[in-house]
Amino acid sequence: MFESGIGPGVRSDRFGTWSLILFLALFAPSFGFFLPGAEVLLWLLIIACAAVTLAAIGCGLAGLFLPEQRRAALHGLLKAAVPTVVGGFLLLVFLAFAYGNWE
């Protein structure tokens, strides 16, 4: 992942791939709530997906300013867009429920 000679665009592409893989693993049927200790695994997947998504966005934004890294940076940003949009929507729904139940 961090070998020398690769720029922020390639890193964004790789982080974006892992972001998408971890996001899809969140919805895999094998990680159901019926297994003991699955809640811990679910939280670890959520934290890892959020961290890798933020890394893909950060490296992608940095890679957009380098002409030779621009294409890989765009690929990384596109891969990280799905977890960002879905995660942001779920966060808004959670906040709406949290603020709606304060009475």
PDB file of N, CA and C in Angstrom:
ATOM      1  N   MET A   1       0.815  -1.189   0.000  1.00  0.00           N
ATOM      2  CA  MET A   1       0.000   0.000   0.000  1.00  0.00           C
ATOM      3  C   MET A   1       0.859   1.253   0.000  1.00  0.00           C
ATOM      4  N   PHE A   2       1.957   1.264   0.744  1.00  0.00           N
ATOM      5  CA  PHE A   2       2.754   2.475   0.869  1.00  0.00           C
ATOM      6  C   PHE A   2       4.152   2.316   0.290  1.00  0.00           C
ATOM      7  N   GLU A   3       4.309   1.569  -0.804  1.00  0.00           N
ATOM      8  CA  GLU A   3       5.624   1.439  -1.415  1.00  0.00           C
ATOM      9  C   GLU A   3       6.012   2.762  -2.076  1.00  0.00           C
ATOM     10  N   SER A   4       7.295   2.960  -2.237  1.00  0.00           N
ATOM     11  CA  SER A   4       7.761   4.222  -2.807  1.00  0.00           C
ATOM     12  C   SER A   4       7.463   4.269  -4.292  1.00  0.00           C
ATOM     13  N   GLY A   5       7.307   5.469  -4.813  1.00  0.00           N
ATOM     14  CA  GLY A   5       7.090   5.647  -6.226  1.00  0.00           C
ATOM     15  C   GLY A   5       5.637   5.805  -6.632  1.00  0.00           C
ATOM     16  N   ILE A   6       4.706   5.641  -5.720  1.00  0.00           N
ATOM     17  CA  ILE A   6       3.307   5.849  -6.091  1.00  0.00           C
ATOM     18  C   ILE A   6       2.849   7.181  -5.512  1.00  0.00           C
ATOM     19  N   GLY A   7       1.964   7.828  -6.227  1.00  0.00           N
ATOM     20  CA  GLY A   7       1.499   9.135  -5.808  1.00  0.00           C
ATOM     21  C   GLY A   7       0.158   9.070  -5.101  1.00  0.00           C
ATOM     22  N   PRO A   8      -0.382  10.233  -4.754  1.00  0.00           N
ATOM     23  CA  PRO A   8      -1.648  10.265  -4.030  1.00  0.00           C
ATOM     24  C   PRO A   8      -2.833   9.759  -4.848  1.00  0.00           C
ATOM     25  N   GLY A   9      -2.773   9.871  -6.167  1.00  0.00           N
ATOM     26  CA  GLY A   9      -3.870   9.360  -6.983  1.00  0.00           C
ATOM     27  C   GLY A   9      -3.969   7.849  -6.933  1.00  0.00           C
ATOM     28  N   VAL A  10      -2.831   7.181  -7.015  1.00  0.00           N
ATOM     29  CA  VAL A  10      -2.820   5.714  -6.933  1.00  0.00           C
ATOM     30  C   VAL A  10      -3.217   5.262  -5.533  1.00  0.00           C
ATOM     31  N   ARG A  11      -2.756   5.985  -4.521  1.00  0.00           N
ATOM     32  CA  ARG A  11      -3.167   5.653  -3.156  1.00  0.00           C
ATOM     33  C   ARG A  11      -4.677   5.816  -2.998  1.00  0.00           C
ATOM     34  N   SER A  12      -5.224   6.888  -3.589  1.00  0.00           N
ATOM     35  CA  SER A  12      -6.661   7.099  -3.524  1.00  0.00           C
ATOM     36  C   SER A  12      -7.411   5.960  -4.194  1.00  0.00           C
ATOM     37  N   ASP A  13      -6.905   5.502  -5.322  1.00  0.00           N
ATOM     38  CA  ASP A  13      -7.544   4.385  -6.021  1.00  0.00           C
ATOM     39  C   ASP A  13      -7.521   3.127  -5.160  1.00  0.00           C
ATOM     40  N   ARG A  14      -6.404   2.861  -4.519  1.00  0.00           N
ATOM     41  CA  ARG A  14      -6.310   1.666  -3.661  1.00  0.00           C
ATOM     42  C   ARG A  14      -7.168   1.806  -2.407  1.00  0.00           C
ATOM     43  N   PHE A  15      -7.141   2.967  -1.778  1.00  0.00           N
ATOM     44  CA  PHE A  15      -8.003   3.187  -0.614  1.00  0.00           C
ATOM     45  C   PHE A  15      -9.474   3.112  -1.008  1.00  0.00           C
ATOM     46  N   GLY A  16      -9.807   3.634  -2.182  1.00  0.00           N
ATOM     47  CA  GLY A  16     -11.184   3.567  -2.656  1.00  0.00           C
ATOM     48  C   GLY A  16     -11.644   2.145  -2.880  1.00  0.00           C
ATOM     49  N   THR A  17     -10.743   1.306  -3.384  1.00  0.00           N
ATOM     50  CA  THR A  17     -11.078  -0.108  -3.558  1.00  0.00           C
ATOM     51  C   THR A  17     -11.377  -0.761  -2.218  1.00  0.00           C
ATOM     52  N   TRP A  18     -10.524  -0.507  -1.232  1.00  0.00           N
ATOM     53  CA  TRP A  18     -10.756  -1.093   0.090  1.00  0.00           C
ATOM     54  C   TRP A  18     -11.995  -0.509   0.755  1.00  0.00           C
ATOM     55  N   SER A  19     -12.266   0.745   0.488  1.00  0.00           N
ATOM     56  CA  SER A  19     -13.476   1.360   1.016  1.00  0.00           C
ATOM     57  C   SER A  19     -14.716   0.656   0.479  1.00  0.00           C
ATOM     58  N   LEU A  20     -14.724   0.387  -0.816  1.00  0.00           N
ATOM     59  CA  LEU A  20     -15.849  -0.301  -1.424  1.00  0.00           C
ATOM     60  C   LEU A  20     -15.970  -1.735  -0.941  1.00  0.00           C
ATOM     61  N   ILE A  21     -14.850  -2.425  -0.777  1.00  0.00           N
ATOM     62  CA  ILE A  21     -14.875  -3.800  -0.286  1.00  0.00           C
ATOM     63  C   ILE A  21     -15.416  -3.858   1.137  1.00  0.00           C
ATOM     64  N   LEU A  22     -14.932  -2.978   2.010  1.00  0.00           N
ATOM     65  CA  LEU A  22     -15.418  -2.980   3.391  1.00  0.00           C
ATOM     66  C   LEU A  22     -16.877  -2.555   3.470  1.00  0.00           C
ATOM     67  N   PHE A  23     -17.285  -1.627   2.619  1.00  0.00           N
ATOM     68  CA  PHE A  23     -18.686  -1.206   2.601  1.00  0.00           C
ATOM     69  C   PHE A  23     -19.590  -2.360   2.184  1.00  0.00           C
ATOM     70  N   LEU A  24     -19.180  -3.121   1.173  1.00  0.00           N
ATOM     71  CA  LEU A  24     -19.973  -4.272   0.753  1.00  0.00           C
ATOM     72  C   LEU A  24     -19.968  -5.374   1.802  1.00  0.00           C
ATOM     73  N   ALA A  25     -18.873  -5.489   2.551  1.00  0.00           N
ATOM     74  CA  ALA A  25     -18.813  -6.494   3.621  1.00  0.00           C
ATOM     75  C   ALA A  25     -19.785  -6.165   4.750  1.00  0.00           C
ATOM     76  N   LEU A  26     -20.123  -4.892   4.902  1.00  0.00           N
ATOM     77  CA  LEU A  26     -21.098  -4.521   5.925  1.00  0.00           C
ATOM     78  C   LEU A  26     -22.472  -5.110   5.643  1.00  0.00           C
ATOM     79  N   PHE A  27     -22.770  -5.318   4.371  1.00  0.00           N
ATOM     80  CA  PHE A  27     -24.085  -5.814   3.996  1.00  0.00           C
ATOM     81  C   PHE A  27     -24.084  -7.285   3.606  1.00  0.00           C
ATOM     82  N   ALA A  28     -22.981  -7.960   3.831  1.00  0.00           N
ATOM     83  CA  ALA A  28     -22.914  -9.389   3.514  1.00  0.00           C
ATOM     84  C   ALA A  28     -23.791 -10.170   4.493  1.00  0.00           C
ATOM     85  N   PRO A  29     -24.512 -11.160   4.030  1.00  0.00           N
ATOM     86  CA  PRO A  29     -25.395 -11.907   4.929  1.00  0.00           C
ATOM     87  C   PRO A  29     -24.651 -12.742   5.963  1.00  0.00           C
ATOM     88  N   SER A  30     -23.374 -13.010   5.755  1.00  0.00           N
ATOM     89  CA  SER A  30     -22.650 -13.824   6.724  1.00  0.00           C
ATOM     90  C   SER A  30     -22.327 -13.057   7.999  1.00  0.00           C
ATOM     91  N   PHE A  31     -22.420 -11.727   7.954  1.00  0.00           N
ATOM     92  CA  PHE A  31     -22.162 -10.930   9.147  1.00  0.00           C
ATOM     93  C   PHE A  31     -23.463 -10.554   9.832  1.00  0.00           C
ATOM     94  N   GLY A  32     -24.336 -11.517  10.025  1.00  0.00           N
ATOM     95  CA  GLY A  32     -25.632 -11.256  10.645  1.00  0.00           C
ATOM     96  C   GLY A  32     -25.502 -11.034  12.145  1.00  0.00           C
ATOM     97  N   PHE A  33     -26.576 -10.573  12.718  1.00  0.00           N
ATOM     98  CA  PHE A  33     -26.584 -10.309  14.158  1.00  0.00           C
ATOM     99  C   PHE A  33     -26.841 -11.571  14.970  1.00  0.00           C
ATOM    100  N   PHE A  34     -26.967 -12.703  14.316  1.00  0.00           N
ATOM    101  CA  PHE A  34     -27.266 -13.937  15.033  1.00  0.00           C
ATOM    102  C   PHE A  34     -26.034 -14.581  15.640  1.00  0.00           C
ATOM    103  N   LEU A  35     -24.867 -14.196  15.164  1.00  0.00           N
ATOM    104  CA  LEU A  35     -23.632 -14.767  15.696  1.00  0.00           C
ATOM    105  C   LEU A  35     -23.215 -14.036  16.962  1.00  0.00           C
ATOM    106  N   PRO A  36     -22.709 -14.756  17.960  1.00  0.00           N
ATOM    107  CA  PRO A  36     -22.242 -14.059  19.159  1.00  0.00           C
ATOM    108  C   PRO A  36     -20.989 -13.240  18.847  1.00  0.00           C
ATOM    109  N   GLY A  37     -20.979 -12.014  19.284  1.00  0.00           N
ATOM    110  CA  GLY A  37     -19.847 -11.133  19.047  1.00  0.00           C
ATOM    111  C   GLY A  37     -19.877 -10.444  17.699  1.00  0.00           C
ATOM    112  N   ALA A  38     -20.967 -10.572  16.958  1.00  0.00           N
ATOM    113  CA  ALA A  38     -21.045  -9.952  15.633  1.00  0.00           C
ATOM    114  C   ALA A  38     -21.134  -8.436  15.726  1.00  0.00           C
ATOM    115  N   GLU A  39     -21.603  -7.929  16.852  1.00  0.00           N
ATOM    116  CA  GLU A  39     -21.702  -6.476  17.006  1.00  0.00           C
ATOM    117  C   GLU A  39     -20.318  -5.832  16.990  1.00  0.00           C
ATOM    118  N   VAL A  40     -19.361  -6.497  17.628  1.00  0.00           N
ATOM    119  CA  VAL A  40     -17.996  -5.966  17.646  1.00  0.00           C
ATOM    120  C   VAL A  40     -17.424  -5.968  16.234  1.00  0.00           C
ATOM    121  N   LEU A  41     -17.648  -7.028  15.489  1.00  0.00           N
ATOM    122  CA  LEU A  41     -17.183  -7.108  14.113  1.00  0.00           C
ATOM    123  C   LEU A  41     -17.837  -6.034  13.254  1.00  0.00           C
ATOM    124  N   LEU A  42     -19.112  -5.795  13.477  1.00  0.00           N
ATOM    125  CA  LEU A  42     -19.817  -4.771  12.721  1.00  0.00           C
ATOM    126  C   LEU A  42     -19.234  -3.389  12.997  1.00  0.00           C
ATOM    127  N   TRP A  43     -18.965  -3.081  14.252  1.00  0.00           N
ATOM    128  CA  TRP A  43     -18.380  -1.776  14.585  1.00  0.00           C
ATOM    129  C   TRP A  43     -16.966  -1.636  14.035  1.00  0.00           C
ATOM    130  N   LEU A  44     -16.196  -2.713  14.059  1.00  0.00           N
ATOM    131  CA  LEU A  44     -14.852  -2.655  13.467  1.00  0.00           C
ATOM    132  C   LEU A  44     -14.915  -2.411  11.962  1.00  0.00           C
ATOM    133  N   LEU A  45     -15.866  -3.050  11.295  1.00  0.00           N
ATOM    134  CA  LEU A  45     -16.037  -2.820   9.864  1.00  0.00           C
ATOM    135  C   LEU A  45     -16.463  -1.382   9.576  1.00  0.00           C
ATOM    136  N   ILE A  46     -17.344  -0.835  10.397  1.00  0.00           N
ATOM    137  CA  ILE A  46     -17.799   0.547  10.206  1.00  0.00           C
ATOM    138  C   ILE A  46     -16.642   1.519  10.400  1.00  0.00           C
ATOM    139  N   ILE A  47     -15.859   1.326  11.437  1.00  0.00           N
ATOM    140  CA  ILE A  47     -14.726   2.224  11.705  1.00  0.00           C
ATOM    141  C   ILE A  47     -13.673   2.101  10.607  1.00  0.00           C
ATOM    142  N   ALA A  48     -13.370   0.872  10.192  1.00  0.00           N
ATOM    143  CA  ALA A  48     -12.381   0.675   9.126  1.00  0.00           C
ATOM    144  C   ALA A  48     -12.867   1.274   7.811  1.00  0.00           C
ATOM    145  N   CYS A  49     -14.140   1.098   7.501  1.00  0.00           N
ATOM    146  CA  CYS A  49     -14.690   1.650   6.261  1.00  0.00           C
ATOM    147  C   CYS A  49     -14.644   3.176   6.285  1.00  0.00           C
ATOM    148  N   ALA A  50     -14.973   3.776   7.417  1.00  0.00           N
ATOM    149  CA  ALA A  50     -14.928   5.240   7.526  1.00  0.00           C
ATOM    150  C   ALA A  50     -13.500   5.761   7.391  1.00  0.00           C
ATOM    151  N   ALA A  51     -12.546   5.094   8.017  1.00  0.00           N
ATOM    152  CA  ALA A  51     -11.158   5.543   7.955  1.00  0.00           C
ATOM    153  C   ALA A  51     -10.592   5.433   6.540  1.00  0.00           C
ATOM    154  N   VAL A  52     -10.858   4.329   5.874  1.00  0.00           N
ATOM    155  CA  VAL A  52     -10.338   4.127   4.531  1.00  0.00           C
ATOM    156  C   VAL A  52     -11.038   5.064   3.535  1.00  0.00           C
ATOM    157  N   THR A  53     -12.314   5.328   3.748  1.00  0.00           N
ATOM    158  CA  THR A  53     -13.038   6.263   2.884  1.00  0.00           C
ATOM    159  C   THR A  53     -12.469   7.673   3.014  1.00  0.00           C
ATOM    160  N   LEU A  54     -12.201   8.101   4.239  1.00  0.00           N
ATOM    161  CA  LEU A  54     -11.602   9.422   4.442  1.00  0.00           C
ATOM    162  C   LEU A  54     -10.207   9.503   3.826  1.00  0.00           C
ATOM    163  N   ALA A  55      -9.451   8.421   3.914  1.00  0.00           N
ATOM    164  CA  ALA A  55      -8.123   8.397   3.298  1.00  0.00           C
ATOM    165  C   ALA A  55      -8.230   8.479   1.777  1.00  0.00           C
ATOM    166  N   ALA A  56      -9.201   7.786   1.201  1.00  0.00           N
ATOM    167  CA  ALA A  56      -9.389   7.835  -0.256  1.00  0.00           C
ATOM    168  C   ALA A  56      -9.784   9.233  -0.700  1.00  0.00           C
ATOM    169  N   ILE A  57     -10.632   9.892   0.067  1.00  0.00           N
ATOM    170  CA  ILE A  57     -11.043  11.250  -0.291  1.00  0.00           C
ATOM    171  C   ILE A  57      -9.870  12.212  -0.161  1.00  0.00           C
ATOM    172  N   GLY A  58      -9.123  12.112   0.920  1.00  0.00           N
ATOM    173  CA  GLY A  58      -7.979  13.001   1.120  1.00  0.00           C
ATOM    174  C   GLY A  58      -6.905  12.827   0.056  1.00  0.00           C
ATOM    175  N   CYS A  59      -6.534  11.593  -0.208  1.00  0.00           N
ATOM    176  CA  CYS A  59      -5.523  11.341  -1.247  1.00  0.00           C
ATOM    177  C   CYS A  59      -6.056  11.698  -2.629  1.00  0.00           C
ATOM    178  N   GLY A  60      -7.347  11.474  -2.861  1.00  0.00           N
ATOM    179  CA  GLY A  60      -7.927  11.811  -4.151  1.00  0.00           C
ATOM    180  C   GLY A  60      -7.935  13.304  -4.411  1.00  0.00           C
ATOM    181  N   LEU A  61      -8.258  14.086  -3.384  1.00  0.00           N
ATOM    182  CA  LEU A  61      -8.237  15.540  -3.557  1.00  0.00           C
ATOM    183  C   LEU A  61      -6.817  16.044  -3.784  1.00  0.00           C
ATOM    184  N   ALA A  62      -5.848  15.439  -3.130  1.00  0.00           N
ATOM    185  CA  ALA A  62      -4.456  15.827  -3.359  1.00  0.00           C
ATOM    186  C   ALA A  62      -3.991  15.383  -4.742  1.00  0.00           C
ATOM    187  N   GLY A  63      -4.446  14.232  -5.203  1.00  0.00           N
ATOM    188  CA  GLY A  63      -4.035  13.719  -6.501  1.00  0.00           C
ATOM    189  C   GLY A  63      -4.646  14.459  -7.677  1.00  0.00           C
ATOM    190  N   LEU A  64      -5.740  15.176  -7.450  1.00  0.00           N
ATOM    191  CA  LEU A  64      -6.356  15.930  -8.539  1.00  0.00           C
ATOM    192  C   LEU A  64      -5.462  17.060  -9.050  1.00  0.00           C
ATOM    193  N   PHE A  65      -4.543  17.529  -8.224  1.00  0.00           N
ATOM    194  CA  PHE A  65      -3.686  18.640  -8.608  1.00  0.00           C
ATOM    195  C   PHE A  65      -2.420  18.202  -9.332  1.00  0.00           C
ATOM    196  N   LEU A  66      -2.203  16.903  -9.457  1.00  0.00           N
ATOM    197  CA  LEU A  66      -1.054  16.377 -10.196  1.00  0.00           C
ATOM    198  C   LEU A  66      -1.547  15.759 -11.498  1.00  0.00           C
ATOM    199  N   PRO A  67      -1.111  16.283 -12.627  1.00  0.00           N
ATOM    200  CA  PRO A  67      -1.659  15.805 -13.907  1.00  0.00           C
ATOM    201  C   PRO A  67      -1.478  14.303 -14.136  1.00  0.00           C
ATOM    202  N   GLU A  68      -0.358  13.737 -13.740  1.00  0.00           N
ATOM    203  CA  GLU A  68      -0.133  12.306 -13.976  1.00  0.00           C
ATOM    204  C   GLU A  68      -0.904  11.420 -12.994  1.00  0.00           C
ATOM    205  N   GLN A  69      -1.441  11.999 -11.938  1.00  0.00           N
ATOM    206  CA  GLN A  69      -2.187  11.237 -10.935  1.00  0.00           C
ATOM    207  C   GLN A  69      -3.693  11.475 -11.023  1.00  0.00           C
ATOM    208  N   ARG A  70      -4.107  12.353 -11.919  1.00  0.00           N
ATOM    209  CA  ARG A  70      -5.511  12.781 -11.953  1.00  0.00           C
ATOM    210  C   ARG A  70      -6.477  11.637 -12.250  1.00  0.00           C
ATOM    211  N   ARG A  71      -6.139  10.773 -13.190  1.00  0.00           N
ATOM    212  CA  ARG A  71      -7.055   9.689 -13.569  1.00  0.00           C
ATOM    213  C   ARG A  71      -7.254   8.699 -12.411  1.00  0.00           C
ATOM    214  N   ALA A  72      -6.172   8.299 -11.772  1.00  0.00           N
ATOM    215  CA  ALA A  72      -6.278   7.378 -10.630  1.00  0.00           C
ATOM    216  C   ALA A  72      -7.000   8.043  -9.462  1.00  0.00           C
ATOM    217  N   ALA A  73      -6.775   9.352  -9.286  1.00  0.00           N
ATOM    218  CA  ALA A  73      -7.452  10.069  -8.204  1.00  0.00           C
ATOM    219  C   ALA A  73      -8.956  10.106  -8.439  1.00  0.00           C
ATOM    220  N   LEU A  74      -9.361  10.316  -9.684  1.00  0.00           N
ATOM    221  CA  LEU A  74     -10.796  10.304  -9.989  1.00  0.00           C
ATOM    222  C   LEU A  74     -11.409   8.930  -9.748  1.00  0.00           C
ATOM    223  N   HIS A  75     -10.685   7.881 -10.097  1.00  0.00           N
ATOM    224  CA  HIS A  75     -11.186   6.529  -9.841  1.00  0.00           C
ATOM    225  C   HIS A  75     -11.350   6.291  -8.344  1.00  0.00           C
ATOM    226  N   GLY A  76     -10.369   6.732  -7.555  1.00  0.00           N
ATOM    227  CA  GLY A  76     -10.466   6.570  -6.108  1.00  0.00           C
ATOM    228  C   GLY A  76     -11.613   7.355  -5.512  1.00  0.00           C
ATOM    229  N   LEU A  77     -11.815   8.575  -6.002  1.00  0.00           N
ATOM    230  CA  LEU A  77     -12.921   9.393  -5.500  1.00  0.00           C
ATOM    231  C   LEU A  77     -14.273   8.800  -5.876  1.00  0.00           C
ATOM    232  N   LEU A  78     -14.368   8.230  -7.066  1.00  0.00           N
ATOM    233  CA  LEU A  78     -15.625   7.597  -7.464  1.00  0.00           C
ATOM    234  C   LEU A  78     -15.915   6.350  -6.633  1.00  0.00           C
ATOM    235  N   LYS A  79     -14.887   5.599  -6.319  1.00  0.00           N
ATOM    236  CA  LYS A  79     -15.085   4.405  -5.489  1.00  0.00           C
ATOM    237  C   LYS A  79     -15.484   4.791  -4.065  1.00  0.00           C
ATOM    238  N   ALA A  80     -14.952   5.898  -3.563  1.00  0.00           N
ATOM    239  CA  ALA A  80     -15.265   6.333  -2.205  1.00  0.00           C
ATOM    240  C   ALA A  80     -16.589   7.083  -2.120  1.00  0.00           C
ATOM    241  N   ALA A  81     -17.178   7.414  -3.266  1.00  0.00           N
ATOM    242  CA  ALA A  81     -18.426   8.177  -3.255  1.00  0.00           C
ATOM    243  C   ALA A  81     -19.595   7.372  -2.703  1.00  0.00           C
ATOM    244  N   VAL A  82     -19.654   6.093  -3.020  1.00  0.00           N
ATOM    245  CA  VAL A  82     -20.780   5.273  -2.574  1.00  0.00           C
ATOM    246  C   VAL A  82     -20.850   5.176  -1.048  1.00  0.00           C
ATOM    247  N   PRO A  83     -19.764   4.788  -0.347  1.00  0.00           N
ATOM    248  CA  PRO A  83     -19.851   4.755   1.115  1.00  0.00           C
ATOM    249  C   PRO A  83     -20.085   6.137   1.722  1.00  0.00           C
ATOM    250  N   THR A  84     -19.580   7.191   1.076  1.00  0.00           N
ATOM    251  CA  THR A  84     -19.765   8.540   1.608  1.00  0.00           C
ATOM    252  C   THR A  84     -21.227   8.959   1.531  1.00  0.00           C
ATOM    253  N   VAL A  85     -21.855   8.740   0.389  1.00  0.00           N
ATOM    254  CA  VAL A  85     -23.248   9.156   0.215  1.00  0.00           C
ATOM    255  C   VAL A  85     -24.180   8.333   1.103  1.00  0.00           C
ATOM    256  N   VAL A  86     -24.006   7.022   1.097  1.00  0.00           N
ATOM    257  CA  VAL A  86     -24.876   6.164   1.912  1.00  0.00           C
ATOM    258  C   VAL A  86     -24.634   6.412   3.405  1.00  0.00           C
ATOM    259  N   GLY A  87     -23.364   6.550   3.792  1.00  0.00           N
ATOM    260  CA  GLY A  87     -23.062   6.835   5.196  1.00  0.00           C
ATOM    261  C   GLY A  87     -23.596   8.182   5.641  1.00  0.00           C
ATOM    262  N   GLY A  88     -23.504   9.184   4.788  1.00  0.00           N
ATOM    263  CA  GLY A  88     -24.053  10.496   5.120  1.00  0.00           C
ATOM    264  C   GLY A  88     -25.564  10.469   5.248  1.00  0.00           C
ATOM    265  N   PHE A  89     -26.233   9.731   4.355  1.00  0.00           N
ATOM    266  CA  PHE A  89     -27.683   9.610   4.448  1.00  0.00           C
ATOM    267  C   PHE A  89     -28.095   8.899   5.732  1.00  0.00           C
ATOM    268  N   LEU A  90     -27.403   7.812   6.074  1.00  0.00           N
ATOM    269  CA  LEU A  90     -27.733   7.093   7.305  1.00  0.00           C
ATOM    270  C   LEU A  90     -27.460   7.947   8.538  1.00  0.00           C
ATOM    271  N   LEU A  91     -26.421   8.774   8.487  1.00  0.00           N
ATOM    272  CA  LEU A  91     -26.140   9.678   9.594  1.00  0.00           C
ATOM    273  C   LEU A  91     -27.253  10.710   9.747  1.00  0.00           C
ATOM    274  N   LEU A  92     -27.748  11.246   8.642  1.00  0.00           N
ATOM    275  CA  LEU A  92     -28.854  12.198   8.718  1.00  0.00           C
ATOM    276  C   LEU A  92     -30.123  11.552   9.269  1.00  0.00           C
ATOM    277  N   VAL A  93     -30.411  10.323   8.864  1.00  0.00           N
ATOM    278  CA  VAL A  93     -31.577   9.609   9.389  1.00  0.00           C
ATOM    279  C   VAL A  93     -31.410   9.365  10.884  1.00  0.00           C
ATOM    280  N   PHE A  94     -30.219   8.960  11.299  1.00  0.00           N
ATOM    281  CA  PHE A  94     -29.952   8.734  12.721  1.00  0.00           C
ATOM    282  C   PHE A  94     -30.133  10.020  13.526  1.00  0.00           C
ATOM    283  N   LEU A  95     -29.602  11.130  13.018  1.00  0.00           N
ATOM    284  CA  LEU A  95     -29.747  12.406  13.722  1.00  0.00           C
ATOM    285  C   LEU A  95     -31.205  12.858  13.782  1.00  0.00           C
ATOM    286  N   ALA A  96     -31.968  12.597  12.719  1.00  0.00           N
ATOM    287  CA  ALA A  96     -33.387  12.957  12.730  1.00  0.00           C
ATOM    288  C   ALA A  96     -34.136  12.161  13.796  1.00  0.00           C
ATOM    289  N   PHE A  97     -33.829  10.888  13.932  1.00  0.00           N
ATOM    290  CA  PHE A  97     -34.458  10.092  14.980  1.00  0.00           C
ATOM    291  C   PHE A  97     -34.014  10.518  16.363  1.00  0.00           C
ATOM    292  N   ALA A  98     -32.726  10.827  16.491  1.00  0.00           N
ATOM    293  CA  ALA A  98     -32.189  11.233  17.805  1.00  0.00           C
ATOM    294  C   ALA A  98     -32.809  12.547  18.268  1.00  0.00           C
ATOM    295  N   TYR A  99     -32.890  13.520  17.366  1.00  0.00           N
ATOM    296  CA  TYR A  99     -33.471  14.812  17.758  1.00  0.00           C
ATOM    297  C   TYR A  99     -34.983  14.755  17.848  1.00  0.00           C
ATOM    298  N   GLY A 100     -35.621  13.848  17.164  1.00  0.00           N
ATOM    299  CA  GLY A 100     -37.070  13.717  17.206  1.00  0.00           C
ATOM    300  C   GLY A 100     -37.569  13.052  18.478  1.00  0.00           C
ATOM    301  N   ASN A 101     -36.720  12.298  19.158  1.00  0.00           N
ATOM    302  CA  ASN A 101     -37.131  11.556  20.350  1.00  0.00           C
ATOM    303  C   ASN A 101     -36.693  12.220  21.640  1.00  0.00           C
ATOM    304  N   TRP A 102     -36.390  13.481  21.628  1.00  0.00           N
ATOM    305  CA  TRP A 102     -35.913  14.134  22.846  1.00  0.00           C
ATOM    306  C   TRP A 102     -37.040  14.535  23.794  1.00  0.00           C
ATOM    307  N   GLU A 103     -38.258  14.507  23.367  1.00  0.00           N
ATOM    308  CA  GLU A 103     -39.360  14.969  24.215  1.00  0.00           C
ATOM    309  C   GLU A 103     -39.837  13.912  25.155  1.00  0.00           C
TER     310      GLU A 103
END
